[in-house]
Full PDB file with SEQRES, HELIX, SHEET, SSBOND, CRYST1, ORIGX, SCALE, CONECT and MASTER records, all heavy atoms in Angstrom:
SEQRES   1 A   40  PRO VAL PRO GLY ARG GLU TYR ALA GLY LEU TRP GLY GLY          
SEQRES   2 A   40  THR PHE GLY TRP PRO PRO GLY ARG PRO GLU ASP GLU CYS          
SEQRES   3 A   40  ARG PRO ARG LYS ALA LEU PHE PHE LEU LEU LEU SER TYR          
SEQRES   4 A   40  GLU                                                          
SHEET    1 AA1 2 GLY A   9  GLY A  13  0                                        
SHEET    2 AA1 2 PHE A  33  LEU A  37 -1                                        
CRYST1    1.000    1.000    1.000  90.00  90.00  90.00 P 1           1          
ORIGX1      1.000000  0.000000  0.000000        0.00000                         
ORIGX2      0.000000  1.000000  0.000000        0.00000                         
ORIGX3      0.000000  0.000000  1.000000        0.00000                         
SCALE1      1.000000  0.000000  0.000000        0.00000                         
SCALE2      0.000000  1.000000  0.000000        0.00000                         
SCALE3      0.000000  0.000000  1.000000        0.00000                         
ATOM      1  N   PRO A   1     -47.466 -73.253 -67.552  1.00  0.00           N  
ATOM      2  CA  PRO A   1     -47.022 -74.306 -66.513  1.00  0.00           C  
ATOM      3  C   PRO A   1     -46.937 -75.614 -67.240  1.00  0.00           C  
ATOM      4  O   PRO A   1     -47.829 -76.057 -67.978  1.00  0.00           O  
ATOM      5  CB  PRO A   1     -48.260 -74.231 -65.633  1.00  0.00           C  
ATOM      6  CG  PRO A   1     -48.898 -73.025 -65.812  1.00  0.00           C  
ATOM      7  CD  PRO A   1     -48.745 -72.662 -67.243  1.00  0.00           C  
ATOM      8  N   VAL A   2     -45.778 -76.272 -66.980  1.00  0.00           N  
ATOM      9  CA  VAL A   2     -45.536 -77.683 -67.431  1.00  0.00           C  
ATOM     10  C   VAL A   2     -44.873 -78.427 -66.299  1.00  0.00           C  
ATOM     11  O   VAL A   2     -44.406 -77.832 -65.298  1.00  0.00           O  
ATOM     12  CB  VAL A   2     -44.611 -77.609 -68.684  1.00  0.00           C  
ATOM     13  CG1 VAL A   2     -45.265 -76.940 -69.845  1.00  0.00           C  
ATOM     14  CG2 VAL A   2     -43.266 -76.971 -68.323  1.00  0.00           C  
ATOM     15  N   PRO A   3     -44.856 -79.732 -66.436  1.00  0.00           N  
ATOM     16  CA  PRO A   3     -44.231 -80.482 -65.328  1.00  0.00           C  
ATOM     17  C   PRO A   3     -42.815 -80.055 -65.121  1.00  0.00           C  
ATOM     18  O   PRO A   3     -42.034 -79.903 -66.040  1.00  0.00           O  
ATOM     19  CB  PRO A   3     -44.308 -81.942 -65.950  1.00  0.00           C  
ATOM     20  CG  PRO A   3     -45.484 -82.002 -66.795  1.00  0.00           C  
ATOM     21  CD  PRO A   3     -45.511 -80.667 -67.411  1.00  0.00           C  
ATOM     22  N   GLY A   4     -42.430 -79.908 -63.861  1.00  0.00           N  
ATOM     23  CA  GLY A   4     -41.135 -79.335 -63.551  1.00  0.00           C  
ATOM     24  C   GLY A   4     -41.077 -77.763 -63.445  1.00  0.00           C  
ATOM     25  O   GLY A   4     -40.197 -77.213 -62.879  1.00  0.00           O  
ATOM     26  N   ARG A   5     -42.133 -77.145 -64.005  1.00  0.00           N  
ATOM     27  CA  ARG A   5     -42.248 -75.669 -63.991  1.00  0.00           C  
ATOM     28  C   ARG A   5     -43.712 -75.323 -63.706  1.00  0.00           C  
ATOM     29  O   ARG A   5     -44.368 -74.606 -64.373  1.00  0.00           O  
ATOM     30  CB  ARG A   5     -41.770 -75.056 -65.264  1.00  0.00           C  
ATOM     31  CG  ARG A   5     -40.359 -75.262 -65.552  1.00  0.00           C  
ATOM     32  CD  ARG A   5     -39.790 -74.464 -66.752  1.00  0.00           C  
ATOM     33  NE  ARG A   5     -38.398 -74.431 -66.859  1.00  0.00           N  
ATOM     34  CZ  ARG A   5     -37.622 -73.665 -67.663  1.00  0.00           C  
ATOM     35  NH1 ARG A   5     -38.186 -72.710 -68.378  1.00  0.00           N  
ATOM     36  NH2 ARG A   5     -36.373 -73.796 -67.723  1.00  0.00           N  
ATOM     37  N   GLU A   6     -44.244 -75.983 -62.703  1.00  0.00           N  
ATOM     38  CA  GLU A   6     -45.647 -75.862 -62.329  1.00  0.00           C  
ATOM     39  C   GLU A   6     -46.156 -74.526 -61.959  1.00  0.00           C  
ATOM     40  O   GLU A   6     -47.340 -74.245 -62.077  1.00  0.00           O  
ATOM     41  CB  GLU A   6     -45.985 -76.890 -61.256  1.00  0.00           C  
ATOM     42  CG  GLU A   6     -45.811 -78.471 -61.598  1.00  0.00           C  
ATOM     43  CD  GLU A   6     -44.345 -78.849 -61.317  1.00  0.00           C  
ATOM     44  OE1 GLU A   6     -43.481 -77.938 -60.956  1.00  0.00           O  
ATOM     45  OE2 GLU A   6     -44.091 -80.072 -61.418  1.00  0.00           O  
ATOM     46  N   TYR A   7     -45.253 -73.709 -61.439  1.00  0.00           N  
ATOM     47  CA  TYR A   7     -45.727 -72.492 -60.839  1.00  0.00           C  
ATOM     48  C   TYR A   7     -45.545 -71.281 -61.846  1.00  0.00           C  
ATOM     49  O   TYR A   7     -45.802 -70.160 -61.414  1.00  0.00           O  
ATOM     50  CB  TYR A   7     -44.993 -72.190 -59.638  1.00  0.00           C  
ATOM     51  CG  TYR A   7     -44.943 -73.416 -58.697  1.00  0.00           C  
ATOM     52  CD1 TYR A   7     -43.749 -73.984 -58.363  1.00  0.00           C  
ATOM     53  CD2 TYR A   7     -46.090 -73.914 -58.172  1.00  0.00           C  
ATOM     54  CE1 TYR A   7     -43.740 -75.161 -57.541  1.00  0.00           C  
ATOM     55  CE2 TYR A   7     -46.108 -75.107 -57.362  1.00  0.00           C  
ATOM     56  CZ  TYR A   7     -44.918 -75.701 -57.064  1.00  0.00           C  
ATOM     57  OH  TYR A   7     -44.885 -76.843 -56.192  1.00  0.00           O  
ATOM     58  N   ALA A   8     -45.280 -71.494 -63.053  1.00  0.00           N  
ATOM     59  CA  ALA A   8     -45.214 -70.386 -64.029  1.00  0.00           C  
ATOM     60  C   ALA A   8     -46.581 -69.819 -64.239  1.00  0.00           C  
ATOM     61  O   ALA A   8     -47.632 -70.489 -64.222  1.00  0.00           O  
ATOM     62  CB  ALA A   8     -44.575 -70.890 -65.319  1.00  0.00           C  
ATOM     63  N   GLY A   9     -46.616 -68.479 -64.605  1.00  0.00           N  
ATOM     64  CA  GLY A   9     -47.876 -67.817 -64.886  1.00  0.00           C  
ATOM     65  C   GLY A   9     -48.112 -66.592 -64.043  1.00  0.00           C  
ATOM     66  O   GLY A   9     -47.188 -66.128 -63.396  1.00  0.00           O  
ATOM     67  N   LEU A  10     -49.345 -66.132 -64.135  1.00  0.00           N  
ATOM     68  CA  LEU A  10     -49.697 -64.789 -63.364  1.00  0.00           C  
ATOM     69  C   LEU A  10     -50.376 -65.214 -62.076  1.00  0.00           C  
ATOM     70  O   LEU A  10     -51.271 -66.033 -61.996  1.00  0.00           O  
ATOM     71  CB  LEU A  10     -50.732 -64.057 -64.330  1.00  0.00           C  
ATOM     72  CG  LEU A  10     -51.153 -62.680 -63.735  1.00  0.00           C  
ATOM     73  CD1 LEU A  10     -49.949 -61.748 -63.683  1.00  0.00           C  
ATOM     74  CD2 LEU A  10     -52.264 -62.098 -64.560  1.00  0.00           C  
ATOM     75  N   TRP A  11     -49.881 -64.498 -61.071  1.00  0.00           N  
ATOM     76  CA  TRP A  11     -50.326 -64.737 -59.661  1.00  0.00           C  
ATOM     77  C   TRP A  11     -50.726 -63.374 -59.045  1.00  0.00           C  
ATOM     78  O   TRP A  11     -50.188 -62.400 -59.394  1.00  0.00           O  
ATOM     79  CB  TRP A  11     -49.317 -65.502 -58.845  1.00  0.00           C  
ATOM     80  CG  TRP A  11     -48.976 -66.837 -59.269  1.00  0.00           C  
ATOM     81  CD1 TRP A  11     -48.354 -67.266 -60.409  1.00  0.00           C  
ATOM     82  CD2 TRP A  11     -49.258 -68.055 -58.601  1.00  0.00           C  
ATOM     83  NE1 TRP A  11     -48.188 -68.640 -60.417  1.00  0.00           N  
ATOM     84  CE2 TRP A  11     -48.717 -69.130 -59.333  1.00  0.00           C  
ATOM     85  CE3 TRP A  11     -49.906 -68.356 -57.343  1.00  0.00           C  
ATOM     86  CZ2 TRP A  11     -48.806 -70.467 -58.917  1.00  0.00           C  
ATOM     87  CZ3 TRP A  11     -50.014 -69.726 -56.939  1.00  0.00           C  
ATOM     88  CH2 TRP A  11     -49.438 -70.691 -57.764  1.00  0.00           C  
ATOM     89  N   GLY A  12     -51.696 -63.446 -58.083  1.00  0.00           N  
ATOM     90  CA  GLY A  12     -52.021 -62.271 -57.272  1.00  0.00           C  
ATOM     91  C   GLY A  12     -51.600 -62.513 -55.894  1.00  0.00           C  
ATOM     92  O   GLY A  12     -51.629 -63.630 -55.358  1.00  0.00           O  
ATOM     93  N   GLY A  13     -51.058 -61.494 -55.209  1.00  0.00           N  
ATOM     94  CA  GLY A  13     -50.536 -61.614 -53.903  1.00  0.00           C  
ATOM     95  C   GLY A  13     -50.873 -60.482 -52.947  1.00  0.00           C  
ATOM     96  O   GLY A  13     -51.114 -59.398 -53.430  1.00  0.00           O  
ATOM     97  N   THR A  14     -50.910 -60.799 -51.670  1.00  0.00           N  
ATOM     98  CA  THR A  14     -51.060 -59.818 -50.638  1.00  0.00           C  
ATOM     99  C   THR A  14     -50.076 -59.995 -49.507  1.00  0.00           C  
ATOM    100  O   THR A  14     -49.581 -61.203 -49.329  1.00  0.00           O  
ATOM    101  CB  THR A  14     -52.434 -59.802 -50.022  1.00  0.00           C  
ATOM    102  OG1 THR A  14     -52.743 -61.149 -49.383  1.00  0.00           O  
ATOM    103  CG2 THR A  14     -53.572 -59.500 -51.054  1.00  0.00           C  
ATOM    104  N   PHE A  15     -49.729 -58.979 -48.806  1.00  0.00           N  
ATOM    105  CA  PHE A  15     -48.770 -59.149 -47.682  1.00  0.00           C  
ATOM    106  C   PHE A  15     -49.556 -59.355 -46.390  1.00  0.00           C  
ATOM    107  O   PHE A  15     -50.668 -58.883 -46.178  1.00  0.00           O  
ATOM    108  CB  PHE A  15     -47.896 -57.822 -47.520  1.00  0.00           C  
ATOM    109  CG  PHE A  15     -46.721 -57.829 -48.463  1.00  0.00           C  
ATOM    110  CD1 PHE A  15     -46.850 -57.214 -49.668  1.00  0.00           C  
ATOM    111  CD2 PHE A  15     -45.579 -58.379 -48.059  1.00  0.00           C  
ATOM    112  CE1 PHE A  15     -45.753 -57.179 -50.498  1.00  0.00           C  
ATOM    113  CE2 PHE A  15     -44.431 -58.370 -48.879  1.00  0.00           C  
ATOM    114  CZ  PHE A  15     -44.549 -57.756 -50.155  1.00  0.00           C  
ATOM    115  N   GLY A  16     -48.939 -60.088 -45.487  1.00  0.00           N  
ATOM    116  CA  GLY A  16     -49.575 -60.337 -44.178  1.00  0.00           C  
ATOM    117  C   GLY A  16     -50.160 -61.752 -44.067  1.00  0.00           C  
ATOM    118  O   GLY A  16     -50.443 -62.417 -45.112  1.00  0.00           O  
ATOM    119  N   TRP A  17     -50.256 -62.223 -42.862  1.00  0.00           N  
ATOM    120  CA  TRP A  17     -50.874 -63.527 -42.549  1.00  0.00           C  
ATOM    121  C   TRP A  17     -51.974 -63.331 -41.424  1.00  0.00           C  
ATOM    122  O   TRP A  17     -51.697 -62.699 -40.482  1.00  0.00           O  
ATOM    123  CB  TRP A  17     -49.793 -64.556 -42.069  1.00  0.00           C  
ATOM    124  CG  TRP A  17     -50.258 -65.970 -41.984  1.00  0.00           C  
ATOM    125  CD1 TRP A  17     -50.824 -66.566 -40.916  1.00  0.00           C  
ATOM    126  CD2 TRP A  17     -50.469 -66.881 -43.049  1.00  0.00           C  
ATOM    127  NE1 TRP A  17     -51.214 -67.817 -41.219  1.00  0.00           N  
ATOM    128  CE2 TRP A  17     -50.978 -68.058 -42.507  1.00  0.00           C  
ATOM    129  CE3 TRP A  17     -50.116 -66.776 -44.442  1.00  0.00           C  
ATOM    130  CZ2 TRP A  17     -51.241 -69.165 -43.311  1.00  0.00           C  
ATOM    131  CZ3 TRP A  17     -50.304 -67.954 -45.128  1.00  0.00           C  
ATOM    132  CH2 TRP A  17     -50.914 -69.121 -44.627  1.00  0.00           C  
ATOM    133  N   PRO A  18     -53.069 -63.997 -41.587  1.00  0.00           N  
ATOM    134  CA  PRO A  18     -53.496 -64.920 -42.724  1.00  0.00           C  
ATOM    135  C   PRO A  18     -53.675 -64.157 -44.022  1.00  0.00           C  
ATOM    136  O   PRO A  18     -53.802 -62.932 -44.034  1.00  0.00           O  
ATOM    137  CB  PRO A  18     -54.794 -65.547 -42.221  1.00  0.00           C  
ATOM    138  CG  PRO A  18     -55.312 -64.450 -41.339  1.00  0.00           C  
ATOM    139  CD  PRO A  18     -54.177 -63.877 -40.638  1.00  0.00           C  
ATOM    140  N   PRO A  19     -53.693 -64.918 -45.114  1.00  0.00           N  
ATOM    141  CA  PRO A  19     -53.755 -64.279 -46.499  1.00  0.00           C  
ATOM    142  C   PRO A  19     -55.056 -63.545 -46.555  1.00  0.00           C  
ATOM    143  O   PRO A  19     -56.051 -63.913 -46.009  1.00  0.00           O  
ATOM    144  CB  PRO A  19     -53.617 -65.428 -47.439  1.00  0.00           C  
ATOM    145  CG  PRO A  19     -53.976 -66.646 -46.676  1.00  0.00           C  
ATOM    146  CD  PRO A  19     -53.532 -66.359 -45.247  1.00  0.00           C  
ATOM    147  N   GLY A  20     -55.036 -62.531 -47.464  1.00  0.00           N  
ATOM    148  CA  GLY A  20     -56.273 -61.698 -47.605  1.00  0.00           C  
ATOM    149  C   GLY A  20     -57.215 -62.491 -48.457  1.00  0.00           C  
ATOM    150  O   GLY A  20     -56.910 -63.208 -49.387  1.00  0.00           O  
ATOM    151  N   ARG A  21     -58.604 -62.213 -48.105  1.00  0.00           N  
ATOM    152  CA  ARG A  21     -59.625 -62.829 -48.937  1.00  0.00           C  
ATOM    153  C   ARG A  21     -60.604 -61.763 -49.266  1.00  0.00           C  
ATOM    154  O   ARG A  21     -60.927 -60.937 -48.492  1.00  0.00           O  
ATOM    155  CB  ARG A  21     -60.390 -63.877 -47.967  1.00  0.00           C  
ATOM    156  CG  ARG A  21     -59.419 -65.012 -47.517  1.00  0.00           C  
ATOM    157  CD  ARG A  21     -60.235 -66.028 -46.719  1.00  0.00           C  
ATOM    158  NE  ARG A  21     -59.246 -67.152 -46.251  1.00  0.00           N  
ATOM    159  CZ  ARG A  21     -58.874 -68.159 -46.966  1.00  0.00           C  
ATOM    160  NH1 ARG A  21     -59.222 -68.280 -48.208  1.00  0.00           N  
ATOM    161  NH2 ARG A  21     -58.034 -69.007 -46.443  1.00  0.00           N  
ATOM    162  N   PRO A  22     -61.083 -61.829 -50.516  1.00  0.00           N  
ATOM    163  CA  PRO A  22     -61.932 -60.809 -51.045  1.00  0.00           C  
ATOM    164  C   PRO A  22     -63.238 -60.549 -50.238  1.00  0.00           C  
ATOM    165  O   PRO A  22     -63.803 -59.488 -50.090  1.00  0.00           O  
ATOM    166  CB  PRO A  22     -62.277 -61.182 -52.437  1.00  0.00           C  
ATOM    167  CG  PRO A  22     -61.184 -62.198 -52.784  1.00  0.00           C  
ATOM    168  CD  PRO A  22     -60.773 -62.808 -51.552  1.00  0.00           C  
ATOM    169  N   GLU A  23     -63.732 -61.737 -49.630  1.00  0.00           N  
ATOM    170  CA  GLU A  23     -64.999 -61.612 -48.917  1.00  0.00           C  
ATOM    171  C   GLU A  23     -64.844 -61.113 -47.466  1.00  0.00           C  
ATOM    172  O   GLU A  23     -65.787 -60.947 -46.746  1.00  0.00           O  
ATOM    173  CB  GLU A  23     -65.676 -62.963 -48.819  1.00  0.00           C  
ATOM    174  CG  GLU A  23     -64.876 -64.094 -48.164  1.00  0.00           C  
ATOM    175  CD  GLU A  23     -63.957 -64.752 -49.081  1.00  0.00           C  
ATOM    176  OE1 GLU A  23     -63.643 -64.283 -50.205  1.00  0.00           O  
ATOM    177  OE2 GLU A  23     -63.407 -65.844 -48.698  1.00  0.00           O  
ATOM    178  N   ASP A  24     -63.628 -60.858 -47.013  1.00  0.00           N  
ATOM    179  CA  ASP A  24     -63.388 -60.409 -45.629  1.00  0.00           C  
ATOM    180  C   ASP A  24     -63.708 -58.958 -45.532  1.00  0.00           C  
ATOM    181  O   ASP A  24     -62.768 -58.064 -45.517  1.00  0.00           O  
ATOM    182  CB  ASP A  24     -61.922 -60.749 -45.202  1.00  0.00           C  
ATOM    183  CG  ASP A  24     -61.733 -62.201 -44.993  1.00  0.00           C  
ATOM    184  OD1 ASP A  24     -62.718 -62.953 -44.879  1.00  0.00           O  
ATOM    185  OD2 ASP A  24     -60.519 -62.639 -44.969  1.00  0.00           O  
ATOM    186  N   GLU A  25     -64.955 -58.532 -45.341  1.00  0.00           N  
ATOM    187  CA  GLU A  25     -65.352 -57.159 -45.259  1.00  0.00           C  
ATOM    188  C   GLU A  25     -65.015 -56.551 -43.874  1.00  0.00           C  
ATOM    189  O   GLU A  25     -64.811 -55.322 -43.749  1.00  0.00           O  
ATOM    190  CB  GLU A  25     -66.811 -57.015 -45.539  1.00  0.00           C  
ATOM    191  CG  GLU A  25     -67.292 -57.411 -46.919  1.00  0.00           C  
ATOM    192  CD  GLU A  25     -66.759 -56.494 -48.005  1.00  0.00           C  
ATOM    193  OE1 GLU A  25     -66.302 -55.355 -47.654  1.00  0.00           O  
ATOM    194  OE2 GLU A  25     -66.759 -56.892 -49.197  1.00  0.00           O  
ATOM    195  N   CYS A  26     -64.880 -57.393 -42.906  1.00  0.00           N  
ATOM    196  CA  CYS A  26     -64.628 -56.883 -41.483  1.00  0.00           C  
ATOM    197  C   CYS A  26     -63.197 -56.513 -41.283  1.00  0.00           C  
ATOM    198  O   CYS A  26     -62.851 -55.857 -40.378  1.00  0.00           O  
ATOM    199  CB  CYS A  26     -65.211 -57.907 -40.507  1.00  0.00           C  
ATOM    200  SG  CYS A  26     -64.371 -59.497 -40.541  1.00  0.00           S  
ATOM    201  N   ARG A  27     -62.288 -57.039 -42.077  1.00  0.00           N  
ATOM    202  CA  ARG A  27     -60.894 -56.835 -41.865  1.00  0.00           C  
ATOM    203  C   ARG A  27     -60.428 -55.715 -42.778  1.00  0.00           C  
ATOM    204  O   ARG A  27     -60.985 -55.428 -43.903  1.00  0.00           O  
ATOM    205  CB  ARG A  27     -60.110 -58.096 -42.150  1.00  0.00           C  
ATOM    206  CG  ARG A  27     -60.399 -59.235 -41.235  1.00  0.00           C  
ATOM    207  CD  ARG A  27     -59.523 -60.486 -41.573  1.00  0.00           C  
ATOM    208  NE  ARG A  27     -59.834 -61.590 -40.681  1.00  0.00           N  
ATOM    209  CZ  ARG A  27     -59.222 -62.752 -40.798  1.00  0.00           C  
ATOM    210  NH1 ARG A  27     -58.329 -62.947 -41.647  1.00  0.00           N  
ATOM    211  NH2 ARG A  27     -59.556 -63.721 -39.931  1.00  0.00           N  
ATOM    212  N   PRO A  28     -59.293 -55.033 -42.410  1.00  0.00           N  
ATOM    213  CA  PRO A  28     -58.742 -54.020 -43.257  1.00  0.00           C  
ATOM    214  C   PRO A  28     -58.312 -54.637 -44.627  1.00  0.00           C  
ATOM    215  O   PRO A  28     -57.693 -55.671 -44.632  1.00  0.00           O  
ATOM    216  CB  PRO A  28     -57.553 -53.480 -42.437  1.00  0.00           C  
ATOM    217  CG  PRO A  28     -57.865 -53.808 -41.066  1.00  0.00           C  
ATOM    218  CD  PRO A  28     -58.635 -55.132 -41.092  1.00  0.00           C  
ATOM    219  N   ARG A  29     -58.601 -53.934 -45.715  1.00  0.00           N  
ATOM    220  CA  ARG A  29     -58.311 -54.442 -46.988  1.00  0.00           C  
ATOM    221  C   ARG A  29     -56.736 -54.449 -47.195  1.00  0.00           C  
ATOM    222  O   ARG A  29     -56.094 -53.550 -46.657  1.00  0.00           O  
ATOM    223  CB  ARG A  29     -58.970 -53.535 -48.069  1.00  0.00           C  
ATOM    224  CG  ARG A  29     -60.523 -53.701 -48.115  1.00  0.00           C  
ATOM    225  CD  ARG A  29     -60.878 -54.976 -48.795  1.00  0.00           C  
ATOM    226  NE  ARG A  29     -62.345 -55.090 -48.861  1.00  0.00           N  
ATOM    227  CZ  ARG A  29     -63.063 -54.547 -49.849  1.00  0.00           C  
ATOM    228  NH1 ARG A  29     -62.439 -53.834 -50.836  1.00  0.00           N  
ATOM    229  NH2 ARG A  29     -64.333 -54.713 -49.904  1.00  0.00           N  
ATOM    230  N   LYS A  30     -56.232 -55.337 -47.966  1.00  0.00           N  
ATOM    231  CA  LYS A  30     -54.831 -55.439 -48.256  1.00  0.00           C  
ATOM    232  C   LYS A  30     -54.587 -55.113 -49.739  1.00  0.00           C  
ATOM    233  O   LYS A  30     -55.352 -55.400 -50.572  1.00  0.00           O  
ATOM    234  CB  LYS A  30     -54.314 -56.862 -47.935  1.00  0.00           C  
ATOM    235  CG  LYS A  30     -54.513 -57.319 -46.484  1.00  0.00           C  
ATOM    236  CD  LYS A  30     -53.951 -58.597 -46.220  1.00  0.00           C  
ATOM    237  CE  LYS A  30     -53.990 -58.957 -44.761  1.00  0.00           C  
ATOM    238  NZ  LYS A  30     -53.487 -60.305 -44.453  1.00  0.00           N  
ATOM    239  N   ALA A  31     -53.417 -54.467 -49.894  1.00  0.00           N  
ATOM    240  CA  ALA A  31     -53.033 -54.071 -51.305  1.00  0.00           C  
ATOM    241  C   ALA A  31     -52.809 -55.294 -52.139  1.00  0.00           C  
ATOM    242  O   ALA A  31     -52.248 -56.282 -51.660  1.00  0.00           O  
ATOM    243  CB  ALA A  31     -51.771 -53.178 -51.280  1.00  0.00           C  
ATOM    244  N   LEU A  32     -53.281 -55.268 -53.336  1.00  0.00           N  
ATOM    245  CA  LEU A  32     -53.183 -56.444 -54.260  1.00  0.00           C  
ATOM    246  C   LEU A  32     -52.014 -56.194 -55.200  1.00  0.00           C  
ATOM    247  O   LEU A  32     -51.930 -55.202 -55.891  1.00  0.00           O  
ATOM    248  CB  LEU A  32     -54.526 -56.548 -55.054  1.00  0.00           C  
ATOM    249  CG  LEU A  32     -54.541 -57.642 -56.092  1.00  0.00           C  
ATOM    250  CD1 LEU A  32     -54.418 -59.054 -55.454  1.00  0.00           C  
ATOM    251  CD2 LEU A  32     -55.831 -57.600 -56.976  1.00  0.00           C  
ATOM    252  N   PHE A  33     -51.183 -57.218 -55.236  1.00  0.00           N  
ATOM    253  CA  PHE A  33     -50.053 -57.186 -56.197  1.00  0.00           C  
ATOM    254  C   PHE A  33     -50.261 -58.263 -57.177  1.00  0.00           C  
ATOM    255  O   PHE A  33     -50.782 -59.365 -56.957  1.00  0.00           O  
ATOM    256  CB  PHE A  33     -48.748 -57.518 -55.467  1.00  0.00           C  
ATOM    257  CG  PHE A  33     -48.230 -56.431 -54.535  1.00  0.00           C  
ATOM    258  CD1 PHE A  33     -48.827 -56.120 -53.306  1.00  0.00           C  
ATOM    259  CD2 PHE A  33     -47.090 -55.710 -54.832  1.00  0.00           C  
ATOM    260  CE1 PHE A  33     -48.393 -55.141 -52.482  1.00  0.00           C  
ATOM    261  CE2 PHE A  33     -46.658 -54.701 -54.032  1.00  0.00           C  
ATOM    262  CZ  PHE A  33     -47.268 -54.424 -52.854  1.00  0.00           C  
ATOM    263  N   PHE A  34     -49.869 -57.959 -58.473  1.00  0.00           N  
ATOM    264  CA  PHE A  34     -49.852 -58.941 -59.542  1.00  0.00           C  
ATOM    265  C   PHE A  34     -48.373 -59.283 -59.758  1.00  0.00           C  
ATOM    266  O   PHE A  34     -47.547 -58.401 -59.960  1.00  0.00           O  
ATOM    267  CB  PHE A  34     -50.460 -58.346 -60.828  1.00  0.00           C  
ATOM    268  CG  PHE A  34     -51.919 -58.470 -60.891  1.00  0.00           C  
ATOM    269  CD1 PHE A  34     -52.652 -58.650 -59.733  1.00  0.00           C  
ATOM    270  CD2 PHE A  34     -52.659 -58.264 -62.071  1.00  0.00           C  
ATOM    271  CE1 PHE A  34     -54.081 -58.732 -59.775  1.00  0.00           C  
ATOM    272  CE2 PHE A  34     -54.022 -58.317 -62.102  1.00  0.00           C  
ATOM    273  CZ  PHE A  34     -54.715 -58.542 -60.976  1.00  0.00           C  
ATOM    274  N   LEU A  35     -48.159 -60.610 -59.837  1.00  0.00           N  
ATOM    275  CA  LEU A  35     -46.717 -60.978 -60.044  1.00  0.00           C  
ATOM    276  C   LEU A  35     -46.693 -62.017 -61.186  1.00  0.00           C  
ATOM    277  O   LEU A  35     -47.556 -62.932 -61.296  1.00  0.00           O  
ATOM    278  CB  LEU A  35     -46.169 -61.684 -58.780  1.00  0.00           C  
ATOM    279  CG  LEU A  35     -45.872 -60.607 -57.653  1.00  0.00           C  
ATOM    280  CD1 LEU A  35     -47.047 -60.643 -56.663  1.00  0.00           C  
ATOM    281  CD2 LEU A  35     -44.571 -61.014 -56.892  1.00  0.00           C  
ATOM    282  N   LEU A  36     -45.652 -61.919 -62.039  1.00  0.00           N  
ATOM    283  CA  LEU A  36     -45.432 -62.854 -63.107  1.00  0.00           C  
ATOM    284  C   LEU A  36     -44.345 -63.823 -62.671  1.00  0.00           C  
ATOM    285  O   LEU A  36     -43.198 -63.471 -62.466  1.00  0.00           O  
ATOM    286  CB  LEU A  36     -45.057 -62.110 -64.343  1.00  0.00           C  
ATOM    287  CG  LEU A  36     -45.137 -62.937 -65.672  1.00  0.00           C  
ATOM    288  CD1 LEU A  36     -46.503 -63.368 -65.981  1.00  0.00           C  
ATOM    289  CD2 LEU A  36     -44.613 -61.983 -66.772  1.00  0.00           C  
ATOM    290  N   LEU A  37     -44.727 -65.095 -62.495  1.00  0.00           N  
ATOM    291  CA  LEU A  37     -43.685 -66.075 -62.094  1.00  0.00           C  
ATOM    292  C   LEU A  37     -43.174 -66.820 -63.313  1.00  0.00           C  
ATOM    293  O   LEU A  37     -43.888 -67.328 -64.217  1.00  0.00           O  
ATOM    294  CB  LEU A  37     -44.329 -67.132 -61.131  1.00  0.00           C  
ATOM    295  CG  LEU A  37     -44.277 -66.774 -59.631  1.00  0.00           C  
ATOM    296  CD1 LEU A  37     -44.967 -65.475 -59.371  1.00  0.00           C  
ATOM    297  CD2 LEU A  37     -44.934 -67.951 -58.794  1.00  0.00           C  
ATOM    298  N   SER A  38     -41.876 -66.881 -63.391  1.00  0.00           N  
ATOM    299  CA  SER A  38     -41.175 -67.484 -64.503  1.00  0.00           C  
ATOM    300  C   SER A  38     -39.905 -68.234 -64.081  1.00  0.00           C  
ATOM    301  O   SER A  38     -39.414 -67.895 -62.992  1.00  0.00           O  
ATOM    302  CB  SER A  38     -40.825 -66.482 -65.586  1.00  0.00           C  
ATOM    303  OG  SER A  38     -40.014 -65.403 -64.993  1.00  0.00           O  
ATOM    304  N   TYR A  39     -39.465 -69.125 -64.921  1.00  0.00           N  
ATOM    305  CA  TYR A  39     -38.269 -69.928 -64.587  1.00  0.00           C  
ATOM    306  C   TYR A  39     -37.110 -69.532 -65.398  1.00  0.00           C  
ATOM    307  O   TYR A  39     -37.193 -69.224 -66.541  1.00  0.00           O  
ATOM    308  CB  TYR A  39     -38.610 -71.376 -64.806  1.00  0.00           C  
ATOM    309  CG  TYR A  39     -39.527 -72.013 -63.783  1.00  0.00           C  
ATOM    310  CD1 TYR A  39     -40.858 -71.898 -63.860  1.00  0.00           C  
ATOM    311  CD2 TYR A  39     -39.017 -72.820 -62.727  1.00  0.00           C  
ATOM    312  CE1 TYR A  39     -41.711 -72.534 -62.951  1.00  0.00           C  
ATOM    313  CE2 TYR A  39     -39.831 -73.455 -61.813  1.00  0.00           C  
ATOM    314  CZ  TYR A  39     -41.191 -73.191 -61.927  1.00  0.00           C  
ATOM    315  OH  TYR A  39     -42.081 -73.819 -60.980  1.00  0.00           O  
ATOM    316  N   GLU A  40     -35.913 -69.480 -64.710  1.00  0.00           N  
ATOM    317  CA  GLU A  40     -34.633 -69.339 -65.356  1.00  0.00           C  
ATOM    318  C   GLU A  40     -33.698 -70.330 -64.731  1.00  0.00           C  
ATOM    319  O   GLU A  40     -34.039 -71.067 -63.813  1.00  0.00           O  
ATOM    320  CB  GLU A  40     -34.148 -67.878 -65.245  1.00  0.00           C  
ATOM    321  CG  GLU A  40     -34.932 -66.853 -65.961  1.00  0.00           C  
ATOM    322  CD  GLU A  40     -34.342 -65.445 -65.848  1.00  0.00           C  
ATOM    323  OE1 GLU A  40     -33.194 -65.306 -65.335  1.00  0.00           O  
ATOM    324  OE2 GLU A  40     -35.000 -64.503 -66.315  1.00  0.00           O  
TER     325      GLU A  40                                                      
MASTER        0    0    0    0    2    0    0    6  324    1    0    4          
END                                                                             
């Protein structure tokens, strides 16, 4: 990440709203995706 490309790097994601939280034991677990964000 550098100025102008602040979002580059490794991110984790889940589908659905509100976003999944690891501590939410009462809600159904959501599949975890790893995404590599890069600029072109």
